[in-house]
Amino acid sequence: MKVALIFGLVFFIAVATNAVDARCHKPCFTTLEVDRVCGSDGVTYINPGALACEQMCNKDLVVRKKGSCSD
């Protein structure tokens, strides 16, 4: 009985976690232009449009600088 309860709880948490992530993924289209920008999350985005797509899920994300984060 305890095993079934634990399994059910783990399954519920896994489904709930995936549901939250799924709501964040929205269709977003951008060009393939290479004009790299470094985001405040430390990720280099291929262009400002790609960073704007990510901002739909991360409202606090901003451009830290033009160019790669590793430059």
Protein backbone atom coordinates (compact mmCIF):
# COMPACT_ATOMS: atom_id res chain seq x y z
CA MET A 1 0.00 0.00 0.00
CA LYS A 2 2.80 2.43 0.92
CA VAL A 3 4.67 1.61 -2.28
CA ALA A 4 1.60 2.42 -4.39
CA LEU A 5 1.08 5.68 -2.51
CA ILE A 6 4.71 6.73 -2.98
CA PHE A 7 4.62 5.76 -6.67
CA GLY A 8 1.42 7.77 -7.15
CA LEU A 9 2.91 10.81 -5.43
CA VAL A 10 6.10 10.66 -7.52
CA PHE A 11 4.04 10.29 -10.71
CA PHE A 12 1.86 13.27 -9.76
CA ILE A 13 4.91 15.46 -9.08
CA ALA A 14 6.51 14.45 -12.40
CA VAL A 15 3.33 15.25 -14.35
CA ALA A 16 2.84 18.56 -12.54
CA THR A 17 6.44 19.59 -13.19
CA ASN A 18 6.14 18.81 -16.91
CA ALA A 19 2.85 20.72 -17.13
CA VAL A 20 4.54 23.86 -15.81
CA ASP A 21 7.37 23.53 -18.33
CA ALA A 22 4.95 22.83 -21.20
CA ARG A 23 3.04 26.06 -20.55
CA CYS A 24 6.22 28.04 -21.02
CA HIS A 25 7.05 26.73 -24.50
CA LYS A 26 5.37 29.07 -26.95
CA PRO A 27 5.86 29.21 -30.69
CA CYS A 28 8.36 31.88 -31.57
CA PHE A 29 9.92 32.61 -34.92
CA THR A 30 13.13 34.51 -35.55
CA THR A 31 15.61 34.93 -38.36
CA LEU A 32 18.81 32.94 -38.69
CA GLU A 33 20.81 36.17 -38.82
CA VAL A 34 24.01 35.89 -36.80
CA ASP A 35 24.25 38.93 -34.50
CA ARG A 36 25.17 37.31 -31.19
CA VAL A 37 24.08 38.79 -27.89
CA CYS A 38 24.91 37.72 -24.35
CA GLY A 39 21.93 37.29 -22.07
CA SER A 40 21.84 38.05 -18.36
CA ASP A 41 21.52 34.27 -17.86
CA GLY A 42 25.04 33.78 -19.25
CA VAL A 43 23.78 32.21 -22.50
CA THR A 44 24.94 33.46 -25.90
CA TYR A 45 21.96 33.84 -28.24
CA ILE A 46 22.40 33.79 -32.02
CA ASN A 47 20.57 37.13 -32.31
CA PRO A 48 18.34 39.50 -30.35
CA GLY A 49 15.25 37.75 -31.75
CA ALA A 50 16.29 34.43 -30.22
CA LEU A 51 16.76 36.16 -26.87
CA ALA A 52 13.33 37.78 -27.23
CA CYS A 53 11.82 34.31 -27.75
CA GLU A 54 13.42 33.14 -24.51
CA GLN A 55 12.07 36.21 -22.71
CA MET A 56 8.55 34.82 -23.14
CA CYS A 57 9.50 32.20 -20.52
CA ASN A 58 11.98 34.28 -18.53
CA LYS A 59 10.67 37.82 -18.07
CA ASP A 60 13.80 38.87 -16.14
CA LEU A 61 16.13 38.06 -19.05
CA VAL A 62 17.86 41.05 -20.63
CA VAL A 63 20.76 41.63 -23.01
CA ARG A 64 23.96 41.92 -20.97
CA LYS A 65 26.13 42.86 -23.97
CA LYS A 66 26.48 42.53 -27.73
CA GLY A 67 28.58 39.59 -28.80
CA SER A 68 29.31 36.25 -27.21
CA CYS A 69 29.25 35.83 -23.44
CA SER A 70 32.72 34.30 -23.62
CA ASP A 71 34.30 37.37 -25.31
